[in-house]
Amino acid sequence: MTDPNKGAKITLYWLAQSRSHRILWLLEALHLTYELKIYHRGPDKLAPRELKEIHPLGKSPVLTIQPATATATTDAAADADKPIVLAESGLIIEYLLDHFGENADHPLIPARYPLDKPGGVGGETEAWFRYRYYMHYAEGSLMPFLVMQLVMDTVKNPPIPFFLKPLPRIVAGQVEKAFLERNIAAHLDFLETQLRTSPNGGPYLCGDVLTAADIMMSFPVIAMAGRLSLEGYPTLSGYAERLQQEAGYVAACRKIEEVDGKFEASL
């Protein structure tokens, strides 16, 4: 039987209420074996210091890969005991797909060019363009507003005497009204339209099959569904529900429940 890991040892450093869950989903979708190390946020909502021992920024997700000795390069062989350390969701997803993408039940990256047409500038499929776009959009455009909303929610309920609380609530409310609400609404409108106009009728962002772009988008979309009202956005709401029913997502949730007792999809 072929080893889906190709001899590599994979370790995922998973943090509760973080982007790391989509990496766990991908590991399940690629049928890889891996070691799972679970961490929890402290009272300050920050990641524990132990993660800094893996990556200097102390963030999650972080993935380490110990390549098989037989496939290591000459330079790598000199440091055979040092694993590859990968941070940032986009990089981790792309690296895993580069080396293990063939393990998936179906391709998680859309075909770049139509089979019946030559490649070249401008010849790419819409599905491929969407895939590349959403791999960057999730963190570059959407998540900053969701994180800012989370900050404003925290500002509204600071640990100060009750008679002082109206002031930060007023400030946070003004920021939301002047900046956040309209920007988040613009993204909701955009995603609703994108899903309704997806290639082949959808129901995923890049067409009629799940791609890694959907996995990348799962964290902000599911977080929005749990935190914001998606009333008026039926297609986006259905998409959020569909993602949570995907076999890889369900398997990832089950894995956390088995190891940690519970799983909560949240910012």
C-alpha atoms as a PDB file:
ATOM      1  CA  MET A   1       0.000   0.000   0.000  1.00  0.00           C
ATOM      2  CA  THR A   2       1.323   3.448  -0.932  1.00  0.00           C
ATOM      3  CA  ASP A   3       2.171   5.703   1.997  1.00  0.00           C
ATOM      4  CA  PRO A   4       0.162   8.942   1.582  1.00  0.00           C
ATOM      5  CA  ASN A   5       2.727  10.750   3.757  1.00  0.00           C
ATOM      6  CA  LYS A   6       5.634   9.629   1.543  1.00  0.00           C
ATOM      7  CA  GLY A   7       7.561   8.852   4.695  1.00  0.00           C
ATOM      8  CA  ALA A   8       7.136  12.322   6.141  1.00  0.00           C
ATOM      9  CA  LYS A   9       6.193  12.953   9.760  1.00  0.00           C
ATOM     10  CA  ILE A  10       3.654  15.773  10.065  1.00  0.00           C
ATOM     11  CA  THR A  11       2.754  17.663  13.234  1.00  0.00           C
ATOM     12  CA  LEU A  12      -0.002  20.280  13.474  1.00  0.00           C
ATOM     13  CA  TYR A  13       0.051  22.764  16.343  1.00  0.00           C
ATOM     14  CA  TRP A  14      -3.647  23.474  16.718  1.00  0.00           C
ATOM     15  CA  LEU A  15      -4.987  26.423  18.741  1.00  0.00           C
ATOM     16  CA  ALA A  16      -8.588  26.723  19.870  1.00  0.00           C
ATOM     17  CA  GLN A  17     -10.583  29.538  18.220  1.00  0.00           C
ATOM     18  CA  SER A  18      -8.019  29.992  15.480  1.00  0.00           C
ATOM     19  CA  ARG A  19      -7.415  29.532  11.782  1.00  0.00           C
ATOM     20  CA  SER A  20      -5.654  26.227  12.456  1.00  0.00           C
ATOM     21  CA  HIS A  21      -8.862  24.226  12.104  1.00  0.00           C
ATOM     22  CA  ARG A  22      -8.860  24.596   8.334  1.00  0.00           C
ATOM     23  CA  ILE A  23      -5.386  23.025   8.226  1.00  0.00           C
ATOM     24  CA  LEU A  24      -6.711  20.094  10.221  1.00  0.00           C
ATOM     25  CA  TRP A  25      -9.552  19.829   7.696  1.00  0.00           C
ATOM     26  CA  LEU A  26      -7.056  19.717   4.826  1.00  0.00           C
ATOM     27  CA  LEU A  27      -4.964  17.038   6.532  1.00  0.00           C
ATOM     28  CA  GLU A  28      -8.106  14.929   6.823  1.00  0.00           C
ATOM     29  CA  ALA A  29      -9.112  15.643   3.208  1.00  0.00           C
ATOM     30  CA  LEU A  30      -5.661  14.505   2.049  1.00  0.00           C
ATOM     31  CA  HIS A  31      -5.901  11.325   4.159  1.00  0.00           C
ATOM     32  CA  LEU A  32      -2.586  12.099   5.835  1.00  0.00           C
ATOM     33  CA  THR A  33      -1.421  10.735   9.160  1.00  0.00           C
ATOM     34  CA  TYR A  34      -0.225  13.380  11.581  1.00  0.00           C
ATOM     35  CA  GLU A  35       0.446  14.219  15.197  1.00  0.00           C
ATOM     36  CA  LEU A  36      -1.931  16.760  16.701  1.00  0.00           C
ATOM     37  CA  LYS A  37      -0.815  19.077  19.498  1.00  0.00           C
ATOM     38  CA  ILE A  38      -3.609  21.140  21.009  1.00  0.00           C
ATOM     39  CA  TYR A  39      -3.244  24.519  22.707  1.00  0.00           C
ATOM     40  CA  HIS A  40      -5.723  26.847  24.398  1.00  0.00           C
ATOM     41  CA  ARG A  41      -5.858  30.602  24.735  1.00  0.00           C
ATOM     42  CA  GLY A  42      -5.265  32.199  28.107  1.00  0.00           C
ATOM     43  CA  PRO A  43      -7.551  34.651  29.935  1.00  0.00           C
ATOM     44  CA  ASP A  44      -6.049  37.396  27.728  1.00  0.00           C
ATOM     45  CA  LYS A  45      -7.306  35.518  24.644  1.00  0.00           C
ATOM     46  CA  LEU A  46      -3.727  35.186  23.385  1.00  0.00           C
ATOM     47  CA  ALA A  47      -1.928  32.020  22.340  1.00  0.00           C
ATOM     48  CA  PRO A  48       0.253  30.364  25.004  1.00  0.00           C
ATOM     49  CA  ARG A  49       3.977  31.089  25.121  1.00  0.00           C
ATOM     50  CA  GLU A  50       4.775  27.486  24.242  1.00  0.00           C
ATOM     51  CA  LEU A  51       3.957  28.186  20.588  1.00  0.00           C
ATOM     52  CA  LYS A  52       6.939  30.557  20.417  1.00  0.00           C
ATOM     53  CA  GLU A  53       9.146  27.506  20.810  1.00  0.00           C
ATOM     54  CA  ILE A  54       7.829  26.313  17.434  1.00  0.00           C
ATOM     55  CA  HIS A  55       7.705  29.652  15.588  1.00  0.00           C
ATOM     56  CA  PRO A  56       9.019  33.049  16.768  1.00  0.00           C
ATOM     57  CA  LEU A  57       5.634  34.758  16.381  1.00  0.00           C
ATOM     58  CA  GLY A  58       3.917  32.216  18.607  1.00  0.00           C
ATOM     59  CA  LYS A  59       0.865  32.027  16.368  1.00  0.00           C
ATOM     60  CA  SER A  60      -1.239  29.202  14.994  1.00  0.00           C
ATOM     61  CA  PRO A  61      -1.504  27.448  12.618  1.00  0.00           C
ATOM     62  CA  VAL A  62       1.998  26.110  12.560  1.00  0.00           C
ATOM     63  CA  LEU A  63       2.861  22.850  10.833  1.00  0.00           C
ATOM     64  CA  THR A  64       6.113  20.936  10.980  1.00  0.00           C
ATOM     65  CA  ILE A  65       7.148  18.303   8.459  1.00  0.00           C
ATOM     66  CA  GLN A  66      10.022  15.909   8.984  1.00  0.00           C
ATOM     67  CA  PRO A  67      10.865  14.618   5.490  1.00  0.00           C
ATOM     68  CA  ALA A  68      11.798  11.014   4.924  1.00  0.00           C
ATOM     69  CA  THR A  69      15.578  10.672   5.160  1.00  0.00           C
ATOM     70  CA  ALA A  70      15.729   8.840   1.855  1.00  0.00           C
ATOM     71  CA  THR A  71      14.195  11.789  -0.012  1.00  0.00           C
ATOM     72  CA  ALA A  72      16.158  14.524   1.734  1.00  0.00           C
ATOM     73  CA  THR A  73      18.515  16.677  -0.318  1.00  0.00           C
ATOM     74  CA  THR A  74      22.224  16.849   0.487  1.00  0.00           C
ATOM     75  CA  ASP A  75      21.754  20.102   2.410  1.00  0.00           C
ATOM     76  CA  ALA A  76      18.704  18.761   4.208  1.00  0.00           C
ATOM     77  CA  ALA A  77      20.528  15.569   5.124  1.00  0.00           C
ATOM     78  CA  ALA A  78      23.011  17.620   7.125  1.00  0.00           C
ATOM     79  CA  ASP A  79      20.116  18.835   9.272  1.00  0.00           C
ATOM     80  CA  ALA A  80      18.039  15.679   9.114  1.00  0.00           C
ATOM     81  CA  ASP A  81      16.846  16.178  12.684  1.00  0.00           C
ATOM     82  CA  LYS A  82      15.387  19.628  11.904  1.00  0.00           C
ATOM     83  CA  PRO A  83      11.842  19.603  10.510  1.00  0.00           C
ATOM     84  CA  ILE A  84      10.453  22.086   8.033  1.00  0.00           C
ATOM     85  CA  VAL A  85       8.462  24.709   9.942  1.00  0.00           C
ATOM     86  CA  LEU A  86       5.523  26.222   8.067  1.00  0.00           C
ATOM     87  CA  ALA A  87       3.403  29.160   9.247  1.00  0.00           C
ATOM     88  CA  GLU A  88       0.544  31.109   7.590  1.00  0.00           C
ATOM     89  CA  SER A  89      -2.507  29.230   6.368  1.00  0.00           C
ATOM     90  CA  GLY A  90      -2.018  30.016   2.678  1.00  0.00           C
ATOM     91  CA  LEU A  91       1.560  28.761   2.623  1.00  0.00           C
ATOM     92  CA  ILE A  92       0.698  25.632   4.600  1.00  0.00           C
ATOM     93  CA  ILE A  93      -2.204  24.781   2.304  1.00  0.00           C
ATOM     94  CA  GLU A  94      -0.181  25.353  -0.862  1.00  0.00           C
ATOM     95  CA  TYR A  95       2.763  23.319   0.431  1.00  0.00           C
ATOM     96  CA  LEU A  96       0.570  20.395   1.429  1.00  0.00           C
ATOM     97  CA  LEU A  97      -1.177  20.440  -1.940  1.00  0.00           C
ATOM     98  CA  ASP A  98       2.141  20.654  -3.798  1.00  0.00           C
ATOM     99  CA  HIS A  99       3.405  17.475  -2.141  1.00  0.00           C
ATOM    100  CA  PHE A 100       0.284  15.508  -1.198  1.00  0.00           C
ATOM    101  CA  GLY A 101      -2.530  16.928  -3.324  1.00  0.00           C
ATOM    102  CA  GLU A 102      -2.945  13.699  -5.265  1.00  0.00           C
ATOM    103  CA  ASN A 103      -4.247  12.020  -2.089  1.00  0.00           C
ATOM    104  CA  ALA A 104      -7.513  13.972  -2.176  1.00  0.00           C
ATOM    105  CA  ASP A 105     -10.698  12.264  -3.354  1.00  0.00           C
ATOM    106  CA  HIS A 106     -10.878  14.861  -6.124  1.00  0.00           C
ATOM    107  CA  PRO A 107      -8.517  17.689  -7.205  1.00  0.00           C
ATOM    108  CA  LEU A 108      -8.639  20.567  -4.722  1.00  0.00           C
ATOM    109  CA  ILE A 109      -7.149  22.997  -7.250  1.00  0.00           C
ATOM    110  CA  PRO A 110      -9.224  23.769 -10.376  1.00  0.00           C
ATOM    111  CA  ALA A 111      -7.689  23.146 -13.787  1.00  0.00           C
ATOM    112  CA  ARG A 112      -5.802  26.257 -14.869  1.00  0.00           C
ATOM    113  CA  TYR A 113      -6.591  25.945 -18.581  1.00  0.00           C
ATOM    114  CA  PRO A 114      -9.466  24.306 -20.487  1.00  0.00           C
ATOM    115  CA  LEU A 115      -8.500  20.914 -21.875  1.00  0.00           C
ATOM    116  CA  ASP A 116      -9.488  21.918 -25.409  1.00  0.00           C
ATOM    117  CA  LYS A 117      -7.640  25.250 -25.484  1.00  0.00           C
ATOM    118  CA  PRO A 118      -3.984  26.217 -25.369  1.00  0.00           C
ATOM    119  CA  GLY A 119      -2.614  27.892 -22.258  1.00  0.00           C
ATOM    120  CA  GLY A 120      -1.185  31.361 -22.052  1.00  0.00           C
ATOM    121  CA  VAL A 121      -1.960  34.799 -20.698  1.00  0.00           C
ATOM    122  CA  GLY A 122      -5.709  35.250 -20.414  1.00  0.00           C
ATOM    123  CA  GLY A 123      -6.486  31.612 -21.147  1.00  0.00           C
ATOM    124  CA  GLU A 124      -7.103  30.589 -17.545  1.00  0.00           C
ATOM    125  CA  THR A 125     -10.439  29.171 -16.427  1.00  0.00           C
ATOM    126  CA  GLU A 126     -12.755  31.240 -14.250  1.00  0.00           C
ATOM    127  CA  ALA A 127     -12.604  28.524 -11.604  1.00  0.00           C
ATOM    128  CA  TRP A 128      -8.809  28.793 -11.406  1.00  0.00           C
ATOM    129  CA  PHE A 129      -8.884  32.594 -11.184  1.00  0.00           C
ATOM    130  CA  ARG A 130     -11.437  32.381  -8.405  1.00  0.00           C
ATOM    131  CA  TYR A 131      -9.320  29.808  -6.592  1.00  0.00           C
ATOM    132  CA  ARG A 132      -6.216  32.005  -6.665  1.00  0.00           C
ATOM    133  CA  TYR A 133      -8.223  35.060  -5.673  1.00  0.00           C
ATOM    134  CA  TYR A 134      -9.884  33.508  -2.627  1.00  0.00           C
ATOM    135  CA  MET A 135      -6.622  32.039  -1.377  1.00  0.00           C
ATOM    136  CA  HIS A 136      -5.553  35.682  -0.843  1.00  0.00           C
ATOM    137  CA  TYR A 137      -8.916  37.355  -0.226  1.00  0.00           C
ATOM    138  CA  ALA A 138      -9.672  35.373   2.937  1.00  0.00           C
ATOM    139  CA  GLU A 139      -6.821  36.932   4.910  1.00  0.00           C
ATOM    140  CA  GLY A 140      -6.045  40.016   2.846  1.00  0.00           C
ATOM    141  CA  SER A 141      -9.526  41.533   2.499  1.00  0.00           C
ATOM    142  CA  LEU A 142     -12.093  39.800   4.702  1.00  0.00           C
ATOM    143  CA  MET A 143     -10.414  38.835   7.963  1.00  0.00           C
ATOM    144  CA  PRO A 144      -9.145  42.346   8.914  1.00  0.00           C
ATOM    145  CA  PHE A 145     -12.725  43.604   9.235  1.00  0.00           C
ATOM    146  CA  LEU A 146     -13.822  40.564  11.241  1.00  0.00           C
ATOM    147  CA  VAL A 147     -10.869  40.940  13.602  1.00  0.00           C
ATOM    148  CA  MET A 148     -11.650  44.639  14.006  1.00  0.00           C
ATOM    149  CA  GLN A 149     -15.264  43.775  14.819  1.00  0.00           C
ATOM    150  CA  LEU A 150     -13.999  41.348  17.452  1.00  0.00           C
ATOM    151  CA  VAL A 151     -11.849  44.135  18.926  1.00  0.00           C
ATOM    152  CA  MET A 152     -14.814  46.507  19.016  1.00  0.00           C
ATOM    153  CA  ASP A 153     -16.914  43.875  20.775  1.00  0.00           C
ATOM    154  CA  THR A 154     -14.156  43.621  23.388  1.00  0.00           C
ATOM    155  CA  VAL A 155     -13.931  47.407  23.734  1.00  0.00           C
ATOM    156  CA  LYS A 156     -17.652  47.536  24.507  1.00  0.00           C
ATOM    157  CA  ASN A 157     -17.176  45.339  27.556  1.00  0.00           C
ATOM    158  CA  PRO A 158     -13.899  46.386  29.205  1.00  0.00           C
ATOM    159  CA  PRO A 159     -13.005  45.298  32.768  1.00  0.00           C
ATOM    160  CA  ILE A 160     -13.695  48.737  34.269  1.00  0.00           C
ATOM    161  CA  PRO A 161     -16.269  50.109  36.744  1.00  0.00           C
ATOM    162  CA  PHE A 162     -19.818  50.030  35.344  1.00  0.00           C
ATOM    163  CA  PHE A 163     -20.221  53.808  35.451  1.00  0.00           C
ATOM    164  CA  LEU A 164     -17.294  54.209  33.022  1.00  0.00           C
ATOM    165  CA  LYS A 165     -18.489  51.600  30.507  1.00  0.00           C
ATOM    166  CA  PRO A 166     -20.771  53.906  28.466  1.00  0.00           C
ATOM    167  CA  LEU A 167     -17.765  55.836  27.105  1.00  0.00           C
ATOM    168  CA  PRO A 168     -15.928  52.924  25.378  1.00  0.00           C
ATOM    169  CA  ARG A 169     -19.280  51.643  24.155  1.00  0.00           C
ATOM    170  CA  ILE A 170     -19.988  54.994  22.505  1.00  0.00           C
ATOM    171  CA  VAL A 171     -16.531  55.043  20.884  1.00  0.00           C
ATOM    172  CA  ALA A 172     -16.866  51.459  19.615  1.00  0.00           C
ATOM    173  CA  GLY A 173     -20.355  52.180  18.331  1.00  0.00           C
ATOM    174  CA  GLN A 174     -19.130  55.167  16.347  1.00  0.00           C
ATOM    175  CA  VAL A 175     -16.332  53.111  14.773  1.00  0.00           C
ATOM    176  CA  GLU A 176     -18.829  50.426  13.808  1.00  0.00           C
ATOM    177  CA  LYS A 177     -21.296  52.894  12.359  1.00  0.00           C
ATOM    178  CA  ALA A 178     -18.747  54.976  10.441  1.00  0.00           C
ATOM    179  CA  PHE A 179     -16.483  52.213   9.198  1.00  0.00           C
ATOM    180  CA  LEU A 180     -17.139  48.585  10.069  1.00  0.00           C
ATOM    181  CA  GLU A 181     -20.819  48.053   9.310  1.00  0.00           C
ATOM    182  CA  ARG A 182     -20.667  49.315   5.726  1.00  0.00           C
ATOM    183  CA  ASN A 183     -17.450  47.421   4.943  1.00  0.00           C
ATOM    184  CA  ILE A 184     -18.698  44.134   6.357  1.00  0.00           C
ATOM    185  CA  ALA A 185     -22.002  44.613   4.509  1.00  0.00           C
ATOM    186  CA  ALA A 186     -20.053  45.153   1.280  1.00  0.00           C
ATOM    187  CA  HIS A 187     -18.259  41.837   1.774  1.00  0.00           C
ATOM    188  CA  LEU A 188     -21.500  40.016   2.556  1.00  0.00           C
ATOM    189  CA  ASP A 189     -23.063  41.413  -0.622  1.00  0.00           C
ATOM    190  CA  PHE A 190     -19.979  40.439  -2.602  1.00  0.00           C
ATOM    191  CA  LEU A 191     -19.875  36.863  -1.338  1.00  0.00           C
ATOM    192  CA  GLU A 192     -23.599  36.381  -1.864  1.00  0.00           C
ATOM    193  CA  THR A 193     -23.213  37.479  -5.503  1.00  0.00           C
ATOM    194  CA  GLN A 194     -20.066  35.401  -6.032  1.00  0.00           C
ATOM    195  CA  LEU A 195     -21.776  32.258  -4.818  1.00  0.00           C
ATOM    196  CA  ARG A 196     -24.839  32.902  -6.982  1.00  0.00           C
ATOM    197  CA  THR A 197     -22.653  33.340 -10.072  1.00  0.00           C
ATOM    198  CA  SER A 198     -20.200  30.513  -9.391  1.00  0.00           C
ATOM    199  CA  PRO A 199     -19.113  28.428 -12.437  1.00  0.00           C
ATOM    200  CA  ASN A 200     -21.386  25.492 -13.272  1.00  0.00           C
ATOM    201  CA  GLY A 201     -23.978  26.853 -10.876  1.00  0.00           C
ATOM    202  CA  GLY A 202     -21.873  26.329  -7.761  1.00  0.00           C
ATOM    203  CA  PRO A 203     -22.595  25.655  -4.929  1.00  0.00           C
ATOM    204  CA  TYR A 204     -18.951  26.315  -3.998  1.00  0.00           C
ATOM    205  CA  LEU A 205     -16.964  29.467  -4.661  1.00  0.00           C
ATOM    206  CA  CYS A 206     -15.081  28.021  -7.630  1.00  0.00           C
ATOM    207  CA  GLY A 207     -17.742  25.771  -9.094  1.00  0.00           C
ATOM    208  CA  ASP A 208     -19.570  22.543  -8.379  1.00  0.00           C
ATOM    209  CA  VAL A 209     -16.840  20.853  -6.311  1.00  0.00           C
ATOM    210  CA  LEU A 210     -15.042  21.780  -3.116  1.00  0.00           C
ATOM    211  CA  THR A 211     -11.591  23.333  -3.553  1.00  0.00           C
ATOM    212  CA  ALA A 212      -8.832  24.399  -1.200  1.00  0.00           C
ATOM    213  CA  ALA A 213     -10.153  27.959  -1.601  1.00  0.00           C
ATOM    214  CA  ASP A 214     -13.353  26.872   0.153  1.00  0.00           C
ATOM    215  CA  ILE A 215     -11.258  25.367   2.951  1.00  0.00           C
ATOM    216  CA  MET A 216      -9.312  28.637   3.180  1.00  0.00           C
ATOM    217  CA  MET A 217     -12.557  30.617   3.319  1.00  0.00           C
ATOM    218  CA  SER A 218     -14.194  28.296   5.834  1.00  0.00           C
ATOM    219  CA  PHE A 219     -12.831  30.054   8.909  1.00  0.00           C
ATOM    220  CA  PRO A 220     -14.168  33.566   8.181  1.00  0.00           C
ATOM    221  CA  VAL A 221     -17.410  32.300   6.627  1.00  0.00           C
ATOM    222  CA  ILE A 222     -18.299  29.961   9.505  1.00  0.00           C
ATOM    223  CA  ALA A 223     -17.229  32.595  12.030  1.00  0.00           C
ATOM    224  CA  MET A 224     -19.509  35.161  10.359  1.00  0.00           C
ATOM    225  CA  ALA A 225     -22.402  32.716  10.370  1.00  0.00           C
ATOM    226  CA  GLY A 226     -21.960  32.247  14.108  1.00  0.00           C
ATOM    227  CA  ARG A 227     -21.345  35.887  15.000  1.00  0.00           C
ATOM    228  CA  LEU A 228     -23.239  38.023  12.499  1.00  0.00           C
ATOM    229  CA  SER A 229     -26.753  37.915  11.145  1.00  0.00           C
ATOM    230  CA  LEU A 230     -26.797  36.452   7.647  1.00  0.00           C
ATOM    231  CA  GLU A 231     -30.462  37.272   7.211  1.00  0.00           C
ATOM    232  CA  GLY A 232     -30.847  38.521   3.658  1.00  0.00           C
ATOM    233  CA  TYR A 233     -27.927  36.375   2.495  1.00  0.00           C
ATOM    234  CA  PRO A 234     -29.519  32.951   1.950  1.00  0.00           C
ATOM    235  CA  THR A 235     -26.877  31.645  -0.454  1.00  0.00           C
ATOM    236  CA  LEU A 236     -24.013  32.595   1.859  1.00  0.00           C
ATOM    237  CA  SER A 237     -25.847  31.176   4.854  1.00  0.00           C
ATOM    238  CA  GLY A 238     -26.399  27.896   3.004  1.00  0.00           C
ATOM    239  CA  TYR A 239     -22.749  27.850   1.983  1.00  0.00           C
ATOM    240  CA  ALA A 240     -21.660  28.191   5.619  1.00  0.00           C
ATOM    241  CA  GLU A 241     -23.886  25.245   6.557  1.00  0.00           C
ATOM    242  CA  ARG A 242     -22.618  23.183   3.624  1.00  0.00           C
ATOM    243  CA  LEU A 243     -18.978  23.685   4.621  1.00  0.00           C
ATOM    244  CA  GLN A 244     -19.711  22.397   8.105  1.00  0.00           C
ATOM    245  CA  GLN A 245     -21.222  19.247   6.599  1.00  0.00           C
ATOM    246  CA  GLU A 246     -18.192  18.411   4.459  1.00  0.00           C
ATOM    247  CA  ALA A 247     -16.631  15.070   5.365  1.00  0.00           C
ATOM    248  CA  GLY A 248     -13.179  16.539   6.039  1.00  0.00           C
ATOM    249  CA  TYR A 249     -14.573  19.281   8.254  1.00  0.00           C
ATOM    250  CA  VAL A 250     -16.688  16.819  10.218  1.00  0.00           C
ATOM    251  CA  ALA A 251     -13.671  14.526  10.633  1.00  0.00           C
ATOM    252  CA  ALA A 252     -11.558  17.442  11.883  1.00  0.00           C
ATOM    253  CA  CYS A 253     -14.235  18.409  14.421  1.00  0.00           C
ATOM    254  CA  ARG A 254     -14.504  14.820  15.586  1.00  0.00           C
ATOM    255  CA  LYS A 255     -10.741  14.630  16.018  1.00  0.00           C
ATOM    256  CA  ILE A 256     -10.737  17.661  18.331  1.00  0.00           C
ATOM    257  CA  GLU A 257     -13.703  16.323  20.277  1.00  0.00           C
ATOM    258  CA  GLU A 258     -11.935  12.991  20.754  1.00  0.00           C
ATOM    259  CA  VAL A 259      -8.732  14.604  22.005  1.00  0.00           C
ATOM    260  CA  ASP A 260     -10.013  17.748  23.729  1.00  0.00           C
ATOM    261  CA  GLY A 261     -13.591  16.948  24.641  1.00  0.00           C
ATOM    262  CA  LYS A 262     -15.296  19.662  22.616  1.00  0.00           C
ATOM    263  CA  PHE A 263     -14.960  21.873  19.554  1.00  0.00           C
ATOM    264  CA  GLU A 264     -16.352  25.357  18.995  1.00  0.00           C
ATOM    265  CA  ALA A 265     -16.135  27.180  15.657  1.00  0.00           C
ATOM    266  CA  SER A 266     -15.428  30.752  16.695  1.00  0.00           C
ATOM    267  CA  LEU A 267     -13.157  33.752  16.314  1.00  0.00           C
END
